Amino acid sequence: MSNQPDTVESQQILEKLARKGSETTSEISVVTSPGARVAAWAVKVKSLSSYNVYNVRVVEIGAPGSSPVEIGGQMEAVNLAEPFDQTGQLSAGTYAIMSRVGEKYVFCVAV
């Protein structure tokens, strides 16, 4: 027996999730395997929401030397580099790479 159909089906599921996001799925998991893609976005911190949760906006990075352009609306993301029970210390204007893990957006920037 060949594992080819299972591999193709798994790749198709991952591609679908990468295109549409995981809003339509109820399973909470992070896939880490060779060839798997993790959705990530460049973001700019706009303000502190509470504790280590920040309001961020996705930015589009253009040509070298040009400033990133903010796109879309604000969303909340958790900074995993800061304690969960203390007030965050990141400055507005800080850039980060954000990913979605389960139902949360997360990034990791040390102060």
PDB file of N, CA and C in Angstrom:
ATOM      1  N   MET A   1       0.827  -1.188   0.000  1.00  0.00           N
ATOM      2  CA  MET A   1       0.000   0.000   0.000  1.00  0.00           C
ATOM      3  C   MET A   1       0.870   1.249   0.000  1.00  0.00           C
ATOM      4  N   SER A   2       0.400   2.268  -0.663  1.00  0.00           N
ATOM      5  CA  SER A   2       1.126   3.527  -0.754  1.00  0.00           C
ATOM      6  C   SER A   2       0.477   4.573   0.145  1.00  0.00           C
ATOM      7  N   ASN A   3       1.288   5.442   0.704  1.00  0.00           N
ATOM      8  CA  ASN A   3       0.775   6.539   1.524  1.00  0.00           C
ATOM      9  C   ASN A   3       0.505   7.786   0.695  1.00  0.00           C
ATOM     10  N   GLN A   4       0.676   7.690  -0.594  1.00  0.00           N
ATOM     11  CA  GLN A   4       0.523   8.848  -1.480  1.00  0.00           C
ATOM     12  C   GLN A   4      -0.822   9.542  -1.331  1.00  0.00           C
ATOM     13  N   PRO A   5      -1.977   8.851  -1.359  1.00  0.00           N
ATOM     14  CA  PRO A   5      -3.260   9.561  -1.232  1.00  0.00           C
ATOM     15  C   PRO A   5      -3.375  10.300   0.096  1.00  0.00           C
ATOM     16  N   ASP A   6      -2.887   9.712   1.202  1.00  0.00           N
ATOM     17  CA  ASP A   6      -2.949  10.382   2.496  1.00  0.00           C
ATOM     18  C   ASP A   6      -2.107  11.642   2.493  1.00  0.00           C
ATOM     19  N   THR A   7      -0.934  11.579   1.897  1.00  0.00           N
ATOM     20  CA  THR A   7      -0.041  12.730   1.835  1.00  0.00           C
ATOM     21  C   THR A   7      -0.661  13.834   1.004  1.00  0.00           C
ATOM     22  N   VAL A   8      -1.221  13.504  -0.138  1.00  0.00           N
ATOM     23  CA  VAL A   8      -1.854  14.495  -1.011  1.00  0.00           C
ATOM     24  C   VAL A   8      -3.043  15.131  -0.298  1.00  0.00           C
ATOM     25  N   GLU A   9      -3.859  14.329   0.370  1.00  0.00           N
ATOM     26  CA  GLU A   9      -5.024  14.849   1.084  1.00  0.00           C
ATOM     27  C   GLU A   9      -4.578  15.782   2.220  1.00  0.00           C
ATOM     28  N   SER A  10      -3.543  15.404   2.954  1.00  0.00           N
ATOM     29  CA  SER A  10      -3.030  16.246   4.041  1.00  0.00           C
ATOM     30  C   SER A  10      -2.526  17.572   3.505  1.00  0.00           C
ATOM     31  N   GLN A  11      -1.809  17.539   2.381  1.00  0.00           N
ATOM     32  CA  GLN A  11      -1.304  18.776   1.790  1.00  0.00           C
ATOM     33  C   GLN A  11      -2.451  19.665   1.334  1.00  0.00           C
ATOM     34  N   GLN A  12      -3.498  19.068   0.779  1.00  0.00           N
ATOM     35  CA  GLN A  12      -4.646  19.854   0.336  1.00  0.00           C
ATOM     36  C   GLN A  12      -5.348  20.515   1.524  1.00  0.00           C
ATOM     37  N   ILE A  13      -5.456  19.807   2.634  1.00  0.00           N
ATOM     38  CA  ILE A  13      -6.083  20.372   3.834  1.00  0.00           C
ATOM     39  C   ILE A  13      -5.252  21.535   4.355  1.00  0.00           C
ATOM     40  N   LEU A  14      -3.930  21.373   4.407  1.00  0.00           N
ATOM     41  CA  LEU A  14      -3.056  22.448   4.870  1.00  0.00           C
ATOM     42  C   LEU A  14      -3.137  23.667   3.964  1.00  0.00           C
ATOM     43  N   GLU A  15      -3.186  23.448   2.643  1.00  0.00           N
ATOM     44  CA  GLU A  15      -3.299  24.563   1.705  1.00  0.00           C
ATOM     45  C   GLU A  15      -4.630  25.289   1.887  1.00  0.00           C
ATOM     46  N   LYS A  16      -5.698  24.548   2.123  1.00  0.00           N
ATOM     47  CA  LYS A  16      -7.011  25.146   2.343  1.00  0.00           C
ATOM     48  C   LYS A  16      -6.994  26.009   3.599  1.00  0.00           C
ATOM     49  N   LEU A  17      -6.394  25.493   4.676  1.00  0.00           N
ATOM     50  CA  LEU A  17      -6.304  26.270   5.912  1.00  0.00           C
ATOM     51  C   LEU A  17      -5.454  27.509   5.725  1.00  0.00           C
ATOM     52  N   ALA A  18      -4.376  27.410   4.956  1.00  0.00           N
ATOM     53  CA  ALA A  18      -3.506  28.560   4.719  1.00  0.00           C
ATOM     54  C   ALA A  18      -4.247  29.655   3.950  1.00  0.00           C
ATOM     55  N   ARG A  19      -5.117  29.254   3.008  1.00  0.00           N
ATOM     56  CA  ARG A  19      -5.864  30.228   2.213  1.00  0.00           C
ATOM     57  C   ARG A  19      -7.027  30.824   2.999  1.00  0.00           C
ATOM     58  N   LYS A  20      -7.797  29.994   3.686  1.00  0.00           N
ATOM     59  CA  LYS A  20      -9.034  30.438   4.317  1.00  0.00           C
ATOM     60  C   LYS A  20      -8.907  30.692   5.809  1.00  0.00           C
ATOM     61  N   GLY A  21      -7.822  30.271   6.439  1.00  0.00           N
ATOM     62  CA  GLY A  21      -7.693  30.408   7.877  1.00  0.00           C
ATOM     63  C   GLY A  21      -8.409  29.268   8.575  1.00  0.00           C
ATOM     64  N   SER A  22      -8.363  29.287   9.872  1.00  0.00           N
ATOM     65  CA  SER A  22      -8.939  28.189  10.635  1.00  0.00           C
ATOM     66  C   SER A  22     -10.268  28.556  11.281  1.00  0.00           C
ATOM     67  N   GLU A  23     -10.894  29.658  10.844  1.00  0.00           N
ATOM     68  CA  GLU A  23     -12.164  30.082  11.434  1.00  0.00           C
ATOM     69  C   GLU A  23     -13.253  29.034  11.268  1.00  0.00           C
ATOM     70  N   THR A  24     -13.194  28.237  10.205  1.00  0.00           N
ATOM     71  CA  THR A  24     -14.252  27.272   9.954  1.00  0.00           C
ATOM     72  C   THR A  24     -13.979  25.916  10.587  1.00  0.00           C
ATOM     73  N   THR A  25     -12.843  25.767  11.274  1.00  0.00           N
ATOM     74  CA  THR A  25     -12.530  24.497  11.905  1.00  0.00           C
ATOM     75  C   THR A  25     -12.668  24.619  13.405  1.00  0.00           C
ATOM     76  N   SER A  26     -13.011  23.523  14.068  1.00  0.00           N
ATOM     77  CA  SER A  26     -13.184  23.567  15.514  1.00  0.00           C
ATOM     78  C   SER A  26     -12.029  22.916  16.249  1.00  0.00           C
ATOM     79  N   GLU A  27     -11.160  22.233  15.543  1.00  0.00           N
ATOM     80  CA  GLU A  27     -10.012  21.587  16.174  1.00  0.00           C
ATOM     81  C   GLU A  27      -8.938  22.617  16.479  1.00  0.00           C
ATOM     82  N   ILE A  28      -8.348  22.526  17.667  1.00  0.00           N
ATOM     83  CA  ILE A  28      -7.277  23.430  18.048  1.00  0.00           C
ATOM     84  C   ILE A  28      -5.983  22.647  18.039  1.00  0.00           C
ATOM     85  N   SER A  29      -5.101  22.983  17.098  1.00  0.00           N
ATOM     86  CA  SER A  29      -3.830  22.287  16.999  1.00  0.00           C
ATOM     87  C   SER A  29      -2.860  23.134  16.202  1.00  0.00           C
ATOM     88  N   VAL A  30      -1.596  22.813  16.357  1.00  0.00           N
ATOM     89  CA  VAL A  30      -0.555  23.458  15.568  1.00  0.00           C
ATOM     90  C   VAL A  30       0.149  22.360  14.797  1.00  0.00           C
ATOM     91  N   VAL A  31       0.223  22.493  13.487  1.00  0.00           N
ATOM     92  CA  VAL A  31       0.847  21.477  12.649  1.00  0.00           C
ATOM     93  C   VAL A  31       2.303  21.864  12.421  1.00  0.00           C
ATOM     94  N   THR A  32       3.201  20.981  12.791  1.00  0.00           N
ATOM     95  CA  THR A  32       4.617  21.205  12.513  1.00  0.00           C
ATOM     96  C   THR A  32       5.163  19.945  11.872  1.00  0.00           C
ATOM     97  N   SER A  33       5.307  19.990  10.582  1.00  0.00           N
ATOM     98  CA  SER A  33       5.840  18.855   9.848  1.00  0.00           C
ATOM     99  C   SER A  33       6.566  19.376   8.614  1.00  0.00           C
ATOM    100  N   PRO A  34       7.456  18.577   8.062  1.00  0.00           N
ATOM    101  CA  PRO A  34       8.175  19.021   6.862  1.00  0.00           C
ATOM    102  C   PRO A  34       7.203  19.416   5.756  1.00  0.00           C
ATOM    103  N   GLY A  35       7.406  20.581   5.207  1.00  0.00           N
ATOM    104  CA  GLY A  35       6.563  21.053   4.117  1.00  0.00           C
ATOM    105  C   GLY A  35       5.327  21.806   4.572  1.00  0.00           C
ATOM    106  N   ALA A  36       5.023  21.789   5.868  1.00  0.00           N
ATOM    107  CA  ALA A  36       3.840  22.494   6.369  1.00  0.00           C
ATOM    108  C   ALA A  36       4.132  23.988   6.406  1.00  0.00           C
ATOM    109  N   ARG A  37       3.116  24.790   6.133  1.00  0.00           N
ATOM    110  CA  ARG A  37       3.269  26.236   6.186  1.00  0.00           C
ATOM    111  C   ARG A  37       2.533  26.779   7.398  1.00  0.00           C
ATOM    112  N   VAL A  38       3.140  27.712   8.072  1.00  0.00           N
ATOM    113  CA  VAL A  38       2.494  28.397   9.184  1.00  0.00           C
ATOM    114  C   VAL A  38       2.169  29.797   8.701  1.00  0.00           C
ATOM    115  N   ALA A  39       0.922  30.201   8.853  1.00  0.00           N
ATOM    116  CA  ALA A  39       0.522  31.546   8.448  1.00  0.00           C
ATOM    117  C   ALA A  39       1.131  32.548   9.422  1.00  0.00           C
ATOM    118  N   ALA A  40       1.818  33.541   8.899  1.00  0.00           N
ATOM    119  CA  ALA A  40       2.427  34.578   9.730  1.00  0.00           C
ATOM    120  C   ALA A  40       2.295  35.919   9.027  1.00  0.00           C
ATOM    121  N   TRP A  41       2.179  36.969   9.823  1.00  0.00           N
ATOM    122  CA  TRP A  41       2.018  38.303   9.286  1.00  0.00           C
ATOM    123  C   TRP A  41       2.967  39.256   9.987  1.00  0.00           C
ATOM    124  N   ALA A  42       3.459  40.246   9.266  1.00  0.00           N
ATOM    125  CA  ALA A  42       4.197  41.337   9.886  1.00  0.00           C
ATOM    126  C   ALA A  42       3.162  42.285  10.471  1.00  0.00           C
ATOM    127  N   VAL A  43       3.368  42.715  11.719  1.00  0.00           N
ATOM    128  CA  VAL A  43       2.413  43.600  12.386  1.00  0.00           C
ATOM    129  C   VAL A  43       3.142  44.746  13.068  1.00  0.00           C
ATOM    130  N   LYS A  44       2.386  45.793  13.326  1.00  0.00           N
ATOM    131  CA  LYS A  44       2.887  46.959  14.060  1.00  0.00           C
ATOM    132  C   LYS A  44       2.036  47.113  15.313  1.00  0.00           C
ATOM    133  N   VAL A  45       2.690  47.231  16.467  1.00  0.00           N
ATOM    134  CA  VAL A  45       1.976  47.430  17.734  1.00  0.00           C
ATOM    135  C   VAL A  45       1.391  48.837  17.741  1.00  0.00           C
ATOM    136  N   LYS A  46       0.101  48.935  18.000  1.00  0.00           N
ATOM    137  CA  LYS A  46      -0.583  50.224  18.055  1.00  0.00           C
ATOM    138  C   LYS A  46      -0.739  50.716  19.494  1.00  0.00           C
ATOM    139  N   SER A  47      -1.100  49.791  20.418  1.00  0.00           N
ATOM    140  CA  SER A  47      -1.286  50.184  21.814  1.00  0.00           C
ATOM    141  C   SER A  47      -1.388  48.943  22.686  1.00  0.00           C
ATOM    142  N   LEU A  48      -1.268  49.158  23.986  1.00  0.00           N
ATOM    143  CA  LEU A  48      -1.437  48.085  24.962  1.00  0.00           C
ATOM    144  C   LEU A  48      -2.920  47.924  25.244  1.00  0.00           C
ATOM    145  N   SER A  49      -3.411  46.700  25.240  1.00  0.00           N
ATOM    146  CA  SER A  49      -4.806  46.432  25.576  1.00  0.00           C
ATOM    147  C   SER A  49      -4.905  46.146  27.073  1.00  0.00           C
ATOM    148  N   SER A  50      -4.235  45.092  27.516  1.00  0.00           N
ATOM    149  CA  SER A  50      -4.149  44.768  28.946  1.00  0.00           C
ATOM    150  C   SER A  50      -3.123  43.669  29.145  1.00  0.00           C
ATOM    151  N   TYR A  51      -2.459  43.694  30.302  1.00  0.00           N
ATOM    152  CA  TYR A  51      -1.402  42.730  30.623  1.00  0.00           C
ATOM    153  C   TYR A  51      -0.419  42.621  29.453  1.00  0.00           C
ATOM    154  N   ASN A  52      -0.293  41.440  28.836  1.00  0.00           N
ATOM    155  CA  ASN A  52       0.628  41.275  27.707  1.00  0.00           C
ATOM    156  C   ASN A  52      -0.130  41.165  26.379  1.00  0.00           C
ATOM    157  N   VAL A  53      -1.309  41.738  26.322  1.00  0.00           N
ATOM    158  CA  VAL A  53      -2.152  41.737  25.118  1.00  0.00           C
ATOM    159  C   VAL A  53      -2.100  43.125  24.486  1.00  0.00           C
ATOM    160  N   TYR A  54      -1.811  43.149  23.186  1.00  0.00           N
ATOM    161  CA  TYR A  54      -1.640  44.415  22.469  1.00  0.00           C
ATOM    162  C   TYR A  54      -2.611  44.511  21.297  1.00  0.00           C
ATOM    163  N   ASN A  55      -2.952  45.753  20.934  1.00  0.00           N
ATOM    164  CA  ASN A  55      -3.679  46.027  19.703  1.00  0.00           C
ATOM    165  C   ASN A  55      -2.629  46.177  18.613  1.00  0.00           C
ATOM    166  N   VAL A  56      -2.785  45.422  17.527  1.00  0.00           N
ATOM    167  CA  VAL A  56      -1.812  45.449  16.432  1.00  0.00           C
ATOM    168  C   VAL A  56      -2.543  45.603  15.102  1.00  0.00           C
ATOM    169  N   ARG A  57      -1.805  46.014  14.075  1.00  0.00           N
ATOM    170  CA  ARG A  57      -2.320  46.064  12.702  1.00  0.00           C
ATOM    171  C   ARG A  57      -1.320  45.395  11.795  1.00  0.00           C
ATOM    172  N   VAL A  58      -1.822  44.656  10.831  1.00  0.00           N
ATOM    173  CA  VAL A  58      -0.972  44.007   9.837  1.00  0.00           C
ATOM    174  C   VAL A  58      -0.351  45.083   8.963  1.00  0.00           C
ATOM    175  N   VAL A  59       0.910  44.880   8.596  1.00  0.00           N
ATOM    176  CA  VAL A  59       1.592  45.817   7.694  1.00  0.00           C
ATOM    177  C   VAL A  59       2.068  45.056   6.468  1.00  0.00           C
ATOM    178  N   GLU A  60       2.072  45.758   5.365  1.00  0.00           N
ATOM    179  CA  GLU A  60       2.587  45.204   4.112  1.00  0.00           C
ATOM    180  C   GLU A  60       3.954  45.813   3.878  1.00  0.00           C
ATOM    181  N   ILE A  61       4.938  44.950   3.716  1.00  0.00           N
ATOM    182  CA  ILE A  61       6.305  45.414   3.515  1.00  0.00           C
ATOM    183  C   ILE A  61       6.545  45.573   2.020  1.00  0.00           C
ATOM    184  N   GLY A  62       7.002  46.755   1.640  1.00  0.00           N
ATOM    185  CA  GLY A  62       7.212  47.060   0.226  1.00  0.00           C
ATOM    186  C   GLY A  62       8.672  46.986  -0.163  1.00  0.00           C
ATOM    187  N   ALA A  63       9.051  47.847  -1.060  1.00  0.00           N
ATOM    188  CA  ALA A  63      10.420  47.902  -1.578  1.00  0.00           C
ATOM    189  C   ALA A  63      11.392  48.308  -0.475  1.00  0.00           C
ATOM    190  N   PRO A  64      12.641  47.869  -0.563  1.00  0.00           N
ATOM    191  CA  PRO A  64      13.645  48.280   0.417  1.00  0.00           C
ATOM    192  C   PRO A  64      13.720  49.804   0.520  1.00  0.00           C
ATOM    193  N   GLY A  65      13.761  50.288   1.748  1.00  0.00           N
ATOM    194  CA  GLY A  65      13.830  51.728   1.974  1.00  0.00           C
ATOM    195  C   GLY A  65      12.484  52.396   2.136  1.00  0.00           C
ATOM    196  N   SER A  66      11.405  51.683   1.814  1.00  0.00           N
ATOM    197  CA  SER A  66      10.078  52.270   1.976  1.00  0.00           C
ATOM    198  C   SER A  66       9.480  51.846   3.317  1.00  0.00           C
ATOM    199  N   SER A  67       8.604  52.682   3.857  1.00  0.00           N
ATOM    200  CA  SER A  67       7.958  52.368   5.129  1.00  0.00           C
ATOM    201  C   SER A  67       6.862  51.330   4.920  1.00  0.00           C
ATOM    202  N   PRO A  68       6.697  50.406   5.880  1.00  0.00           N
ATOM    203  CA  PRO A  68       5.591  49.443   5.790  1.00  0.00           C
ATOM    204  C   PRO A  68       4.252  50.177   5.814  1.00  0.00           C
ATOM    205  N   VAL A  69       3.273  49.655   5.087  1.00  0.00           N
ATOM    206  CA  VAL A  69       1.947  50.263   4.986  1.00  0.00           C
ATOM    207  C   VAL A  69       0.969  49.434   5.804  1.00  0.00           C
ATOM    208  N   GLU A  70       0.243  50.083   6.715  1.00  0.00           N
ATOM    209  CA  GLU A  70      -0.746  49.393   7.539  1.00  0.00           C
ATOM    210  C   GLU A  70      -1.947  49.026   6.680  1.00  0.00           C
ATOM    211  N   ILE A  71      -2.434  47.792   6.853  1.00  0.00           N
ATOM    212  CA  ILE A  71      -3.617  47.329   6.115  1.00  0.00           C
ATOM    213  C   ILE A  71      -4.564  46.652   7.111  1.00  0.00           C
ATOM    214  N   GLY A  72      -5.835  46.639   6.767  1.00  0.00           N
ATOM    215  CA  GLY A  72      -6.817  45.971   7.609  1.00  0.00           C
ATOM    216  C   GLY A  72      -7.076  46.708   8.911  1.00  0.00           C
ATOM    217  N   GLY A  73      -7.901  46.077   9.738  1.00  0.00           N
ATOM    218  CA  GLY A  73      -8.260  46.669  11.021  1.00  0.00           C
ATOM    219  C   GLY A  73      -7.366  46.173  12.137  1.00  0.00           C
ATOM    220  N   GLN A  74      -7.540  46.774  13.311  1.00  0.00           N
ATOM    221  CA  GLN A  74      -6.777  46.351  14.475  1.00  0.00           C
ATOM    222  C   GLN A  74      -7.290  45.021  15.000  1.00  0.00           C
ATOM    223  N   MET A  75      -6.396  44.280  15.628  1.00  0.00           N
ATOM    224  CA  MET A  75      -6.759  43.027  16.286  1.00  0.00           C
ATOM    225  C   MET A  75      -5.914  42.897  17.535  1.00  0.00           C
ATOM    226  N   GLU A  76      -6.286  42.008  18.409  1.00  0.00           N
ATOM    227  CA  GLU A  76      -5.514  41.782  19.623  1.00  0.00           C
ATOM    228  C   GLU A  76      -4.578  40.601  19.438  1.00  0.00           C
ATOM    229  N   ALA A  77      -3.372  40.738  19.979  1.00  0.00           N
ATOM    230  CA  ALA A  77      -2.385  39.670  19.922  1.00  0.00           C
ATOM    231  C   ALA A  77      -1.617  39.637  21.242  1.00  0.00           C
ATOM    232  N   VAL A  78      -1.235  38.442  21.645  1.00  0.00           N
ATOM    233  CA  VAL A  78      -0.530  38.228  22.909  1.00  0.00           C
ATOM    234  C   VAL A  78       0.976  38.193  22.661  1.00  0.00           C
ATOM    235  N   ASN A  79       1.743  38.944  23.464  1.00  0.00           N
ATOM    236  CA  ASN A  79       3.199  38.904  23.391  1.00  0.00           C
ATOM    237  C   ASN A  79       3.686  37.814  24.340  1.00  0.00           C
ATOM    238  N   LEU A  80       4.153  36.711  23.793  1.00  0.00           N
ATOM    239  CA  LEU A  80       4.580  35.576  24.598  1.00  0.00           C
ATOM    240  C   LEU A  80       5.885  35.825  25.341  1.00  0.00           C
ATOM    241  N   ALA A  81       6.611  36.879  25.018  1.00  0.00           N
ATOM    242  CA  ALA A  81       7.883  37.177  25.687  1.00  0.00           C
ATOM    243  C   ALA A  81       7.682  37.911  27.006  1.00  0.00           C
ATOM    244  N   GLU A  82       6.456  38.311  27.297  1.00  0.00           N
ATOM    245  CA  GLU A  82       6.175  39.044  28.534  1.00  0.00           C
ATOM    246  C   GLU A  82       5.317  38.191  29.466  1.00  0.00           C
ATOM    247  N   PRO A  83       5.431  38.425  30.790  1.00  0.00           N
ATOM    248  CA  PRO A  83       4.621  37.660  31.751  1.00  0.00           C
ATOM    249  C   PRO A  83       3.123  37.888  31.521  1.00  0.00           C
ATOM    250  N   PHE A  84       2.351  36.839  31.765  1.00  0.00           N
ATOM    251  CA  PHE A  84       0.905  36.914  31.551  1.00  0.00           C
ATOM    252  C   PHE A  84       0.194  37.684  32.659  1.00  0.00           C
ATOM    253  N   ASP A  85       0.866  37.900  33.793  1.00  0.00           N
ATOM    254  CA  ASP A  85       0.223  38.543  34.939  1.00  0.00           C
ATOM    255  C   ASP A  85       0.776  39.933  35.242  1.00  0.00           C
ATOM    256  N   GLN A  86       1.503  40.524  34.289  1.00  0.00           N
ATOM    257  CA  GLN A  86       2.060  41.859  34.490  1.00  0.00           C
ATOM    258  C   GLN A  86       1.726  42.748  33.300  1.00  0.00           C
ATOM    259  N   THR A  87       1.793  44.050  33.513  1.00  0.00           N
ATOM    260  CA  THR A  87       1.514  45.001  32.439  1.00  0.00           C
ATOM    261  C   THR A  87       2.642  44.978  31.413  1.00  0.00           C
ATOM    262  N   GLY A  88       2.275  44.905  30.143  1.00  0.00           N
ATOM    263  CA  GLY A  88       3.249  44.878  29.054  1.00  0.00           C
ATOM    264  C   GLY A  88       4.024  46.172  28.928  1.00  0.00           C
ATOM    265  N   GLN A  89       5.227  46.094  28.359  1.00  0.00           N
ATOM    266  CA  GLN A  89       6.121  47.248  28.273  1.00  0.00           C
ATOM    267  C   GLN A  89       6.493  47.635  26.846  1.00  0.00           C
ATOM    268  N   LEU A  90       5.922  47.002  25.824  1.00  0.00           N
ATOM    269  CA  LEU A  90       6.285  47.339  24.440  1.00  0.00           C
ATOM    270  C   LEU A  90       5.783  48.723  24.063  1.00  0.00           C
ATOM    271  N   SER A  91       6.568  49.416  23.279  1.00  0.00           N
ATOM    272  CA  SER A  91       6.187  50.740  22.793  1.00  0.00           C
ATOM    273  C   SER A  91       5.332  50.625  21.539  1.00  0.00           C
ATOM    274  N   ALA A  92       4.416  51.578  21.381  1.00  0.00           N
ATOM    275  CA  ALA A  92       3.658  51.666  20.131  1.00  0.00           C
ATOM    276  C   ALA A  92       4.661  51.893  19.006  1.00  0.00           C
ATOM    277  N   GLY A  93       4.430  51.280  17.866  1.00  0.00           N
ATOM    278  CA  GLY A  93       5.331  51.410  16.730  1.00  0.00           C
ATOM    279  C   GLY A  93       6.309  50.260  16.596  1.00  0.00           C
ATOM    280  N   THR A  94       6.320  49.347  17.571  1.00  0.00           N
ATOM    281  CA  THR A  94       7.189  48.177  17.506  1.00  0.00           C
ATOM    282  C   THR A  94       6.659  47.214  16.446  1.00  0.00           C
ATOM    283  N   TYR A  95       7.555  46.642  15.650  1.00  0.00           N
ATOM    284  CA  TYR A  95       7.163  45.679  14.624  1.00  0.00           C
ATOM    285  C   TYR A  95       7.432  44.259  15.121  1.00  0.00           C
ATOM    286  N   ALA A  96       6.608  43.311  14.662  1.00  0.00           N
ATOM    287  CA  ALA A  96       6.747  41.916  15.073  1.00  0.00           C
ATOM    288  C   ALA A  96       6.210  41.010  13.971  1.00  0.00           C
ATOM    289  N   ILE A  97       6.470  39.723  14.121  1.00  0.00           N
ATOM    290  CA  ILE A  97       5.875  38.701  13.266  1.00  0.00           C
ATOM    291  C   ILE A  97       4.828  37.984  14.102  1.00  0.00           C
ATOM    292  N   MET A  98       3.601  37.963  13.626  1.00  0.00           N
ATOM    293  CA  MET A  98       2.482  37.394  14.361  1.00  0.00           C
ATOM    294  C   MET A  98       2.003  36.117  13.680  1.00  0.00           C
ATOM    295  N   SER A  99       1.623  35.138  14.482  1.00  0.00           N
ATOM    296  CA  SER A  99       1.039  33.889  13.983  1.00  0.00           C
ATOM    297  C   SER A  99      -0.270  33.621  14.710  1.00  0.00           C
ATOM    298  N   ARG A 100      -1.045  32.740  14.158  1.00  0.00           N
ATOM    299  CA  ARG A 100      -2.285  32.328  14.821  1.00  0.00           C
ATOM    300  C   ARG A 100      -2.062  30.937  15.394  1.00  0.00           C
ATOM    301  N   VAL A 101      -2.344  30.795  16.678  1.00  0.00           N
ATOM    302  CA  VAL A 101      -2.239  29.503  17.359  1.00  0.00           C
ATOM    303  C   VAL A 101      -3.578  29.248  18.030  1.00  0.00           C
ATOM    304  N   GLY A 102      -4.288  28.262  17.542  1.00  0.00           N
ATOM    305  CA  GLY A 102      -5.632  28.001  18.068  1.00  0.00           C
ATOM    306  C   GLY A 102      -6.534  29.193  17.796  1.00  0.00           C
ATOM    307  N   GLU A 103      -7.091  29.750  18.850  1.00  0.00           N
ATOM    308  CA  GLU A 103      -8.001  30.887  18.724  1.00  0.00           C
ATOM    309  C   GLU A 103      -7.307  32.225  18.980  1.00  0.00           C
ATOM    310  N   LYS A 104      -6.009  32.220  19.197  1.00  0.00           N
ATOM    311  CA  LYS A 104      -5.280  33.438  19.566  1.00  0.00           C
ATOM    312  C   LYS A 104      -4.239  33.817  18.523  1.00  0.00           C
ATOM    313  N   TYR A 105      -4.016  35.121  18.389  1.00  0.00           N
ATOM    314  CA  TYR A 105      -2.894  35.637  17.631  1.00  0.00           C
ATOM    315  C   TYR A 105      -1.762  35.866  18.628  1.00  0.00           C
ATOM    316  N   VAL A 106      -0.553  35.458  18.273  1.00  0.00           N
ATOM    317  CA  VAL A 106       0.580  35.584  19.181  1.00  0.00           C
ATOM    318  C   VAL A 106       1.806  36.117  18.450  1.00  0.00           C
ATOM    319  N   PHE A 107       2.682  36.767  19.207  1.00  0.00           N
ATOM    320  CA  PHE A 107       3.984  37.172  18.707  1.00  0.00           C
ATOM    321  C   PHE A 107       4.952  37.127  19.881  1.00  0.00           C
ATOM    322  N   CYS A 108       6.230  37.262  19.606  1.00  0.00           N
ATOM    323  CA  CYS A 108       7.232  37.157  20.671  1.00  0.00           C
ATOM    324  C   CYS A 108       8.280  38.242  20.467  1.00  0.00           C
ATOM    325  N   VAL A 109       8.205  39.316  21.266  1.00  0.00           N
ATOM    326  CA  VAL A 109       9.161  40.408  21.196  1.00  0.00           C
ATOM    327  C   VAL A 109       9.604  40.727  22.618  1.00  0.00           C
ATOM    328  N   ALA A 110      10.907  40.596  22.880  1.00  0.00           N
ATOM    329  CA  ALA A 110      11.445  40.912  24.195  1.00  0.00           C
ATOM    330  C   ALA A 110      11.582  42.420  24.346  1.00  0.00           C
ATOM    331  N   VAL A 111      11.392  42.893  25.553  1.00  0.00           N
ATOM    332  CA  VAL A 111      11.488  44.329  25.853  1.00  0.00           C
ATOM    333  C   VAL A 111      12.947  44.700  26.015  1.00  0.00           C
TER     334      VAL A 111
END
